[in-house]
Amino acid sequence: MTFWGFSKPQNGRFEPKFTSYRVSRQDNWRDLAIGYCGNGAASFTLQPDTDYELKIPLNFDSVAAADQVRVSLNSINGMFWSEPFKCAEP
């Protein structure tokens, strides 16, 4: 699949671009509004049957305070959402 990113995958690591976030507090999910600049937007293909470590920023107050979080990988084929998870304390 082809995803938006900052640079091509290297050493099994990929940093997606245009990540979307959903946060839950007291069982109420909402989208976290984040604006992105499109400069440097490029698409990169992640190979099938290959493990990748995804480098997704979670350093937002709304994310840290949430009971659960979901993040998306945005592709030219659509959005793919993670399962809900709790951010670890720093």
PDB file of N, CA and C in Angstrom:
ATOM      1  N   MET A   1       0.848  -1.176   0.000  1.00  0.00           N
ATOM      2  CA  MET A   1       0.000   0.000   0.000  1.00  0.00           C
ATOM      3  C   MET A   1       0.888   1.231   0.000  1.00  0.00           C
ATOM      4  N   THR A   2       0.361   2.290  -0.531  1.00  0.00           N
ATOM      5  CA  THR A   2       1.089   3.543  -0.636  1.00  0.00           C
ATOM      6  C   THR A   2       0.523   4.550   0.349  1.00  0.00           C
ATOM      7  N   PHE A   3       1.403   5.129   1.182  1.00  0.00           N
ATOM      8  CA  PHE A   3       1.006   6.072   2.216  1.00  0.00           C
ATOM      9  C   PHE A   3       1.771   7.378   2.069  1.00  0.00           C
ATOM     10  N   TRP A   4       1.177   8.450   2.597  1.00  0.00           N
ATOM     11  CA  TRP A   4       1.864   9.734   2.658  1.00  0.00           C
ATOM     12  C   TRP A   4       2.907   9.671   3.766  1.00  0.00           C
ATOM     13  N   GLY A   5       4.075  10.250   3.511  1.00  0.00           N
ATOM     14  CA  GLY A   5       5.124  10.227   4.515  1.00  0.00           C
ATOM     15  C   GLY A   5       6.118  11.351   4.355  1.00  0.00           C
ATOM     16  N   PHE A   6       7.057  11.433   5.307  1.00  0.00           N
ATOM     17  CA  PHE A   6       8.099  12.452   5.284  1.00  0.00           C
ATOM     18  C   PHE A   6       9.314  11.991   4.478  1.00  0.00           C
ATOM     19  N   SER A   7       9.550  10.698   4.513  1.00  0.00           N
ATOM     20  CA  SER A   7      10.665  10.140   3.742  1.00  0.00           C
ATOM     21  C   SER A   7      10.411   8.651   3.561  1.00  0.00           C
ATOM     22  N   LYS A   8      11.165   8.032   2.661  1.00  0.00           N
ATOM     23  CA  LYS A   8      10.942   6.616   2.381  1.00  0.00           C
ATOM     24  C   LYS A   8      11.252   5.770   3.612  1.00  0.00           C
ATOM     25  N   PRO A   9      10.607   4.622   3.737  1.00  0.00           N
ATOM     26  CA  PRO A   9      10.897   3.729   4.865  1.00  0.00           C
ATOM     27  C   PRO A   9      12.378   3.325   4.856  1.00  0.00           C
ATOM     28  N   GLN A  10      12.992   3.368   6.040  1.00  0.00           N
ATOM     29  CA  GLN A  10      14.386   2.965   6.173  1.00  0.00           C
ATOM     30  C   GLN A  10      14.550   2.104   7.408  1.00  0.00           C
ATOM     31  N   ASN A  11      15.267   1.007   7.262  1.00  0.00           N
ATOM     32  CA  ASN A  11      15.546   0.102   8.382  1.00  0.00           C
ATOM     33  C   ASN A  11      14.277  -0.302   9.124  1.00  0.00           C
ATOM     34  N   GLY A  12      13.194  -0.524   8.379  1.00  0.00           N
ATOM     35  CA  GLY A  12      11.948  -0.969   8.989  1.00  0.00           C
ATOM     36  C   GLY A  12      11.182   0.116   9.717  1.00  0.00           C
ATOM     37  N   ARG A  13      11.546   1.381   9.524  1.00  0.00           N
ATOM     38  CA  ARG A  13      10.863   2.503  10.178  1.00  0.00           C
ATOM     39  C   ARG A  13      10.254   3.415   9.136  1.00  0.00           C
ATOM     40  N   PHE A  14       9.051   3.934   9.466  1.00  0.00           N
ATOM     41  CA  PHE A  14       8.360   4.830   8.555  1.00  0.00           C
ATOM     42  C   PHE A  14       7.662   5.906   9.366  1.00  0.00           C
ATOM     43  N   GLU A  15       7.789   7.165   8.924  1.00  0.00           N
ATOM     44  CA  GLU A  15       7.134   8.293   9.590  1.00  0.00           C
ATOM     45  C   GLU A  15       6.019   8.817   8.686  1.00  0.00           C
ATOM     46  N   PRO A  16       4.771   8.430   8.987  1.00  0.00           N
ATOM     47  CA  PRO A  16       3.648   8.852   8.152  1.00  0.00           C
ATOM     48  C   PRO A  16       3.412  10.361   8.238  1.00  0.00           C
ATOM     49  N   LYS A  17       2.828  10.899   7.189  1.00  0.00           N
ATOM     50  CA  LYS A  17       2.459  12.306   7.161  1.00  0.00           C
ATOM     51  C   LYS A  17       0.935  12.399   7.117  1.00  0.00           C
ATOM     52  N   PHE A  18       0.401  13.481   7.614  1.00  0.00           N
ATOM     53  CA  PHE A  18      -1.039  13.752   7.633  1.00  0.00           C
ATOM     54  C   PHE A  18      -1.801  12.763   8.524  1.00  0.00           C
ATOM     55  N   THR A  19      -1.207  12.385   9.637  1.00  0.00           N
ATOM     56  CA  THR A  19      -1.861  11.495  10.595  1.00  0.00           C
ATOM     57  C   THR A  19      -3.102  12.176  11.170  1.00  0.00           C
ATOM     58  N   SER A  20      -4.174  11.427  11.310  1.00  0.00           N
ATOM     59  CA  SER A  20      -5.393  11.912  11.962  1.00  0.00           C
ATOM     60  C   SER A  20      -5.498  11.246  13.327  1.00  0.00           C
ATOM     61  N   TYR A  21      -6.186  11.916  14.242  1.00  0.00           N
ATOM     62  CA  TYR A  21      -6.308  11.426  15.610  1.00  0.00           C
ATOM     63  C   TYR A  21      -7.758  11.459  16.048  1.00  0.00           C
ATOM     64  N   ARG A  22      -8.141  10.461  16.836  1.00  0.00           N
ATOM     65  CA  ARG A  22      -9.421  10.451  17.541  1.00  0.00           C
ATOM     66  C   ARG A  22      -9.111  10.192  19.000  1.00  0.00           C
ATOM     67  N   VAL A  23      -9.754  10.972  19.871  1.00  0.00           N
ATOM     68  CA  VAL A  23      -9.512  10.818  21.305  1.00  0.00           C
ATOM     69  C   VAL A  23     -10.833  10.522  22.009  1.00  0.00           C
ATOM     70  N   SER A  24     -10.740   9.745  23.070  1.00  0.00           N
ATOM     71  CA  SER A  24     -11.918   9.379  23.853  1.00  0.00           C
ATOM     72  C   SER A  24     -11.710   9.823  25.294  1.00  0.00           C
ATOM     73  N   ARG A  25     -12.716  10.511  25.810  1.00  0.00           N
ATOM     74  CA  ARG A  25     -12.770  10.853  27.229  1.00  0.00           C
ATOM     75  C   ARG A  25     -14.163  10.497  27.702  1.00  0.00           C
ATOM     76  N   GLN A  26     -14.224   9.709  28.743  1.00  0.00           N
ATOM     77  CA  GLN A  26     -15.499   9.271  29.316  1.00  0.00           C
ATOM     78  C   GLN A  26     -16.409   8.660  28.237  1.00  0.00           C
ATOM     79  N   ASP A  27     -15.824   7.776  27.418  1.00  0.00           N
ATOM     80  CA  ASP A  27     -16.539   7.033  26.381  1.00  0.00           C
ATOM     81  C   ASP A  27     -17.133   7.900  25.274  1.00  0.00           C
ATOM     82  N   ASN A  28     -16.652   9.112  25.108  1.00  0.00           N
ATOM     83  CA  ASN A  28     -17.084   9.985  24.012  1.00  0.00           C
ATOM     84  C   ASN A  28     -15.904  10.212  23.072  1.00  0.00           C
ATOM     85  N   TRP A  29     -16.011   9.689  21.854  1.00  0.00           N
ATOM     86  CA  TRP A  29     -14.954   9.844  20.858  1.00  0.00           C
ATOM     87  C   TRP A  29     -15.149  11.142  20.089  1.00  0.00           C
ATOM     88  N   ARG A  30     -14.024  11.823  19.783  1.00  0.00           N
ATOM     89  CA  ARG A  30     -14.080  13.003  18.922  1.00  0.00           C
ATOM     90  C   ARG A  30     -12.804  13.078  18.101  1.00  0.00           C
ATOM     91  N   ASP A  31     -12.926  13.686  16.933  1.00  0.00           N
ATOM     92  CA  ASP A  31     -11.754  13.905  16.092  1.00  0.00           C
ATOM     93  C   ASP A  31     -10.954  15.058  16.665  1.00  0.00           C
ATOM     94  N   LEU A  32      -9.658  14.928  16.635  1.00  0.00           N
ATOM     95  CA  LEU A  32      -8.761  15.994  17.071  1.00  0.00           C
ATOM     96  C   LEU A  32      -8.373  16.789  15.832  1.00  0.00           C
ATOM     97  N   ALA A  33      -8.769  18.048  15.796  1.00  0.00           N
ATOM     98  CA  ALA A  33      -8.530  18.886  14.623  1.00  0.00           C
ATOM     99  C   ALA A  33      -7.073  19.346  14.584  1.00  0.00           C
ATOM    100  N   ILE A  34      -6.364  18.913  13.553  1.00  0.00           N
ATOM    101  CA  ILE A  34      -4.974  19.309  13.352  1.00  0.00           C
ATOM    102  C   ILE A  34      -4.837  19.731  11.898  1.00  0.00           C
ATOM    103  N   GLY A  35      -4.268  20.902  11.677  1.00  0.00           N
ATOM    104  CA  GLY A  35      -4.033  21.376  10.319  1.00  0.00           C
ATOM    105  C   GLY A  35      -2.630  21.008   9.872  1.00  0.00           C
ATOM    106  N   TYR A  36      -2.488  20.655   8.628  1.00  0.00           N
ATOM    107  CA  TYR A  36      -1.193  20.278   8.074  1.00  0.00           C
ATOM    108  C   TYR A  36      -0.883  21.136   6.854  1.00  0.00           C
ATOM    109  N   CYS A  37       0.377  21.463   6.702  1.00  0.00           N
ATOM    110  CA  CYS A  37       0.881  22.103   5.492  1.00  0.00           C
ATOM    111  C   CYS A  37       1.215  20.980   4.509  1.00  0.00           C
ATOM    112  N   GLY A  38       0.910  21.163   3.254  1.00  0.00           N
ATOM    113  CA  GLY A  38       1.160  20.116   2.266  1.00  0.00           C
ATOM    114  C   GLY A  38       2.559  20.132   1.674  1.00  0.00           C
ATOM    115  N   ASN A  39       3.432  21.044   2.149  1.00  0.00           N
ATOM    116  CA  ASN A  39       4.788  21.091   1.595  1.00  0.00           C
ATOM    117  C   ASN A  39       5.515  19.773   1.787  1.00  0.00           C
ATOM    118  N   GLY A  40       6.168  19.331   0.756  1.00  0.00           N
ATOM    119  CA  GLY A  40       6.965  18.113   0.850  1.00  0.00           C
ATOM    120  C   GLY A  40       6.166  16.831   0.862  1.00  0.00           C
ATOM    121  N   ALA A  41       4.872  16.924   0.573  1.00  0.00           N
ATOM    122  CA  ALA A  41       4.050  15.713   0.582  1.00  0.00           C
ATOM    123  C   ALA A  41       4.558  14.739  -0.480  1.00  0.00           C
ATOM    124  N   ALA A  42       4.796  13.532  -0.045  1.00  0.00           N
ATOM    125  CA  ALA A  42       5.253  12.482  -0.962  1.00  0.00           C
ATOM    126  C   ALA A  42       4.604  11.175  -0.549  1.00  0.00           C
ATOM    127  N   SER A  43       4.455  10.278  -1.485  1.00  0.00           N
ATOM    128  CA  SER A  43       3.870   8.978  -1.172  1.00  0.00           C
ATOM    129  C   SER A  43       4.945   7.901  -1.273  1.00  0.00           C
ATOM    130  N   PHE A  44       4.822   6.920  -0.390  1.00  0.00           N
ATOM    131  CA  PHE A  44       5.794   5.836  -0.312  1.00  0.00           C
ATOM    132  C   PHE A  44       5.056   4.517  -0.167  1.00  0.00           C
ATOM    133  N   THR A  45       5.554   3.507  -0.833  1.00  0.00           N
ATOM    134  CA  THR A  45       4.922   2.199  -0.777  1.00  0.00           C
ATOM    135  C   THR A  45       5.544   1.356   0.327  1.00  0.00           C
ATOM    136  N   LEU A  46       4.680   0.839   1.204  1.00  0.00           N
ATOM    137  CA  LEU A  46       5.126  -0.102   2.228  1.00  0.00           C
ATOM    138  C   LEU A  46       4.932  -1.500   1.650  1.00  0.00           C
ATOM    139  N   GLN A  47       5.944  -2.312   1.774  1.00  0.00           N
ATOM    140  CA  GLN A  47       5.944  -3.637   1.162  1.00  0.00           C
ATOM    141  C   GLN A  47       5.092  -4.624   1.963  1.00  0.00           C
ATOM    142  N   PRO A  48       4.378  -5.515   1.284  1.00  0.00           N
ATOM    143  CA  PRO A  48       3.592  -6.532   1.995  1.00  0.00           C
ATOM    144  C   PRO A  48       4.514  -7.514   2.715  1.00  0.00           C
ATOM    145  N   ASP A  49       3.966  -8.132   3.740  1.00  0.00           N
ATOM    146  CA  ASP A  49       4.684  -9.140   4.528  1.00  0.00           C
ATOM    147  C   ASP A  49       5.976  -8.594   5.124  1.00  0.00           C
ATOM    148  N   THR A  50       5.983  -7.313   5.446  1.00  0.00           N
ATOM    149  CA  THR A  50       7.145  -6.663   6.054  1.00  0.00           C
ATOM    150  C   THR A  50       6.680  -5.921   7.292  1.00  0.00           C
ATOM    151  N   ASP A  51       7.394  -6.073   8.403  1.00  0.00           N
ATOM    152  CA  ASP A  51       7.072  -5.355   9.630  1.00  0.00           C
ATOM    153  C   ASP A  51       7.694  -3.970   9.577  1.00  0.00           C
ATOM    154  N   TYR A  52       6.926  -2.964  10.030  1.00  0.00           N
ATOM    155  CA  TYR A  52       7.407  -1.593  10.096  1.00  0.00           C
ATOM    156  C   TYR A  52       7.143  -1.024  11.482  1.00  0.00           C
ATOM    157  N   GLU A  53       8.053  -0.209  11.961  1.00  0.00           N
ATOM    158  CA  GLU A  53       7.829   0.602  13.152  1.00  0.00           C
ATOM    159  C   GLU A  53       7.357   1.954  12.642  1.00  0.00           C
ATOM    160  N   LEU A  54       6.163   2.367  13.074  1.00  0.00           N
ATOM    161  CA  LEU A  54       5.598   3.632  12.626  1.00  0.00           C
ATOM    162  C   LEU A  54       5.911   4.713  13.649  1.00  0.00           C
ATOM    163  N   LYS A  55       6.492   5.799  13.202  1.00  0.00           N
ATOM    164  CA  LYS A  55       6.861   6.924  14.063  1.00  0.00           C
ATOM    165  C   LYS A  55       5.753   7.972  13.964  1.00  0.00           C
ATOM    166  N   ILE A  56       4.815   7.946  14.929  1.00  0.00           N
ATOM    167  CA  ILE A  56       3.659   8.837  14.923  1.00  0.00           C
ATOM    168  C   ILE A  56       3.718   9.711  16.167  1.00  0.00           C
ATOM    169  N   PRO A  57       3.723  11.050  16.011  1.00  0.00           N
ATOM    170  CA  PRO A  57       3.782  11.930  17.171  1.00  0.00           C
ATOM    171  C   PRO A  57       2.531  11.806  18.043  1.00  0.00           C
ATOM    172  N   LEU A  58       2.744  11.726  19.335  1.00  0.00           N
ATOM    173  CA  LEU A  58       1.635  11.673  20.291  1.00  0.00           C
ATOM    174  C   LEU A  58       1.782  12.764  21.352  1.00  0.00           C
ATOM    175  N   ASN A  59       2.602  13.766  21.072  1.00  0.00           N
ATOM    176  CA  ASN A  59       2.934  14.786  22.065  1.00  0.00           C
ATOM    177  C   ASN A  59       1.970  15.973  22.030  1.00  0.00           C
ATOM    178  N   PHE A  60       0.689  15.681  22.074  1.00  0.00           N
ATOM    179  CA  PHE A  60      -0.348  16.697  22.137  1.00  0.00           C
ATOM    180  C   PHE A  60      -1.052  16.558  23.481  1.00  0.00           C
ATOM    181  N   ASP A  61      -1.379  17.678  24.124  1.00  0.00           N
ATOM    182  CA  ASP A  61      -2.063  17.623  25.418  1.00  0.00           C
ATOM    183  C   ASP A  61      -3.356  16.821  25.335  1.00  0.00           C
ATOM    184  N   SER A  62      -4.120  17.006  24.261  1.00  0.00           N
ATOM    185  CA  SER A  62      -5.398  16.291  24.115  1.00  0.00           C
ATOM    186  C   SER A  62      -5.197  14.787  24.015  1.00  0.00           C
ATOM    187  N   VAL A  63      -4.100  14.367  23.422  1.00  0.00           N
ATOM    188  CA  VAL A  63      -3.794  12.935  23.303  1.00  0.00           C
ATOM    189  C   VAL A  63      -3.365  12.392  24.659  1.00  0.00           C
ATOM    190  N   ALA A  64      -2.493  13.119  25.345  1.00  0.00           N
ATOM    191  CA  ALA A  64      -1.990  12.662  26.642  1.00  0.00           C
ATOM    192  C   ALA A  64      -3.107  12.570  27.678  1.00  0.00           C
ATOM    193  N   ALA A  65      -4.094  13.464  27.600  1.00  0.00           N
ATOM    194  CA  ALA A  65      -5.182  13.484  28.579  1.00  0.00           C
ATOM    195  C   ALA A  65      -6.313  12.518  28.244  1.00  0.00           C
ATOM    196  N   ALA A  66      -6.287  11.928  27.072  1.00  0.00           N
ATOM    197  CA  ALA A  66      -7.389  11.064  26.629  1.00  0.00           C
ATOM    198  C   ALA A  66      -7.382   9.721  27.353  1.00  0.00           C
ATOM    199  N   ASP A  67      -8.564   9.151  27.530  1.00  0.00           N
ATOM    200  CA  ASP A  67      -8.677   7.799  28.071  1.00  0.00           C
ATOM    201  C   ASP A  67      -8.146   6.787  27.058  1.00  0.00           C
ATOM    202  N   GLN A  68      -8.450   7.028  25.776  1.00  0.00           N
ATOM    203  CA  GLN A  68      -7.975   6.181  24.678  1.00  0.00           C
ATOM    204  C   GLN A  68      -7.747   7.053  23.449  1.00  0.00           C
ATOM    205  N   VAL A  69      -6.914   6.540  22.547  1.00  0.00           N
ATOM    206  CA  VAL A  69      -6.571   7.260  21.328  1.00  0.00           C
ATOM    207  C   VAL A  69      -6.623   6.288  20.154  1.00  0.00           C
ATOM    208  N   ARG A  70      -6.975   6.799  18.992  1.00  0.00           N
ATOM    209  CA  ARG A  70      -6.832   6.063  17.729  1.00  0.00           C
ATOM    210  C   ARG A  70      -6.091   6.983  16.770  1.00  0.00           C
ATOM    211  N   VAL A  71      -5.206   6.423  15.955  1.00  0.00           N
ATOM    212  CA  VAL A  71      -4.496   7.194  14.941  1.00  0.00           C
ATOM    213  C   VAL A  71      -4.746   6.552  13.581  1.00  0.00           C
ATOM    214  N   SER A  72      -4.631   7.367  12.538  1.00  0.00           N
ATOM    215  CA  SER A  72      -4.857   6.840  11.195  1.00  0.00           C
ATOM    216  C   SER A  72      -3.588   6.922  10.370  1.00  0.00           C
ATOM    217  N   LEU A  73      -3.479   5.986   9.458  1.00  0.00           N
ATOM    218  CA  LEU A  73      -2.498   6.076   8.377  1.00  0.00           C
ATOM    219  C   LEU A  73      -3.295   6.507   7.165  1.00  0.00           C
ATOM    220  N   ASN A  74      -2.869   7.571   6.535  1.00  0.00           N
ATOM    221  CA  ASN A  74      -3.595   8.104   5.397  1.00  0.00           C
ATOM    222  C   ASN A  74      -2.885   7.716   4.114  1.00  0.00           C
ATOM    223  N   SER A  75      -3.659   7.155   3.233  1.00  0.00           N
ATOM    224  CA  SER A  75      -3.119   6.625   1.993  1.00  0.00           C
ATOM    225  C   SER A  75      -3.896   7.211   0.826  1.00  0.00           C
ATOM    226  N   ILE A  76      -3.354   7.050  -0.354  1.00  0.00           N
ATOM    227  CA  ILE A  76      -4.104   7.481  -1.527  1.00  0.00           C
ATOM    228  C   ILE A  76      -5.342   6.604  -1.722  1.00  0.00           C
ATOM    229  N   ASN A  77      -5.415   5.481  -0.987  1.00  0.00           N
ATOM    230  CA  ASN A  77      -6.555   4.562  -1.060  1.00  0.00           C
ATOM    231  C   ASN A  77      -7.561   4.755   0.068  1.00  0.00           C
ATOM    232  N   GLY A  78      -7.279   5.655   0.999  1.00  0.00           N
ATOM    233  CA  GLY A  78      -8.192   5.870   2.112  1.00  0.00           C
ATOM    234  C   GLY A  78      -7.469   5.983   3.439  1.00  0.00           C
ATOM    235  N   MET A  79      -8.252   5.971   4.515  1.00  0.00           N
ATOM    236  CA  MET A  79      -7.710   6.071   5.871  1.00  0.00           C
ATOM    237  C   MET A  79      -7.821   4.720   6.558  1.00  0.00           C
ATOM    238  N   PHE A  80      -6.797   4.377   7.304  1.00  0.00           N
ATOM    239  CA  PHE A  80      -6.762   3.119   8.039  1.00  0.00           C
ATOM    240  C   PHE A  80      -6.529   3.438   9.510  1.00  0.00           C
ATOM    241  N   TRP A  81      -7.529   3.148  10.352  1.00  0.00           N
ATOM    242  CA  TRP A  81      -7.487   3.514  11.766  1.00  0.00           C
ATOM    243  C   TRP A  81      -6.915   2.388  12.628  1.00  0.00           C
ATOM    244  N   SER A  82      -6.144   2.789  13.638  1.00  0.00           N
ATOM    245  CA  SER A  82      -5.606   1.837  14.611  1.00  0.00           C
ATOM    246  C   SER A  82      -6.710   1.387  15.555  1.00  0.00           C
ATOM    247  N   GLU A  83      -6.426   0.334  16.282  1.00  0.00           N
ATOM    248  CA  GLU A  83      -7.275  -0.042  17.403  1.00  0.00           C
ATOM    249  C   GLU A  83      -7.063   1.000  18.510  1.00  0.00           C
ATOM    250  N   PRO A  84      -8.037   1.188  19.403  1.00  0.00           N
ATOM    251  CA  PRO A  84      -7.844   2.142  20.507  1.00  0.00           C
ATOM    252  C   PRO A  84      -6.696   1.702  21.414  1.00  0.00           C
ATOM    253  N   PHE A  85      -5.961   2.700  21.931  1.00  0.00           N
ATOM    254  CA  PHE A  85      -4.885   2.429  22.878  1.00  0.00           C
ATOM    255  C   PHE A  85      -4.753   3.598  23.847  1.00  0.00           C
ATOM    256  N   LYS A  86      -4.098   3.365  24.958  1.00  0.00           N
ATOM    257  CA  LYS A  86      -3.819   4.387  25.959  1.00  0.00           C
ATOM    258  C   LYS A  86      -2.369   4.811  25.810  1.00  0.00           C
ATOM    259  N   CYS A  87      -2.123   6.116  25.772  1.00  0.00           N
ATOM    260  CA  CYS A  87      -0.755   6.609  25.685  1.00  0.00           C
ATOM    261  C   CYS A  87      -0.047   6.330  26.996  1.00  0.00           C
ATOM    262  N   ALA A  88       1.194   5.902  26.884  1.00  0.00           N
ATOM    263  CA  ALA A  88       1.999   5.662  28.082  1.00  0.00           C
ATOM    264  C   ALA A  88       2.433   6.983  28.682  1.00  0.00           C
ATOM    265  N   GLU A  89       2.566   7.006  29.969  1.00  0.00           N
ATOM    266  CA  GLU A  89       3.071   8.199  30.646  1.00  0.00           C
ATOM    267  C   GLU A  89       4.534   8.400  30.287  1.00  0.00           C
ATOM    268  N   PRO A  90       4.961   9.669  30.097  1.00  0.00           N
ATOM    269  CA  PRO A  90       6.389   9.904  29.748  1.00  0.00           C
ATOM    270  C   PRO A  90       7.342   9.512  30.854  1.00  0.00           C
TER     271      PRO A  90
END
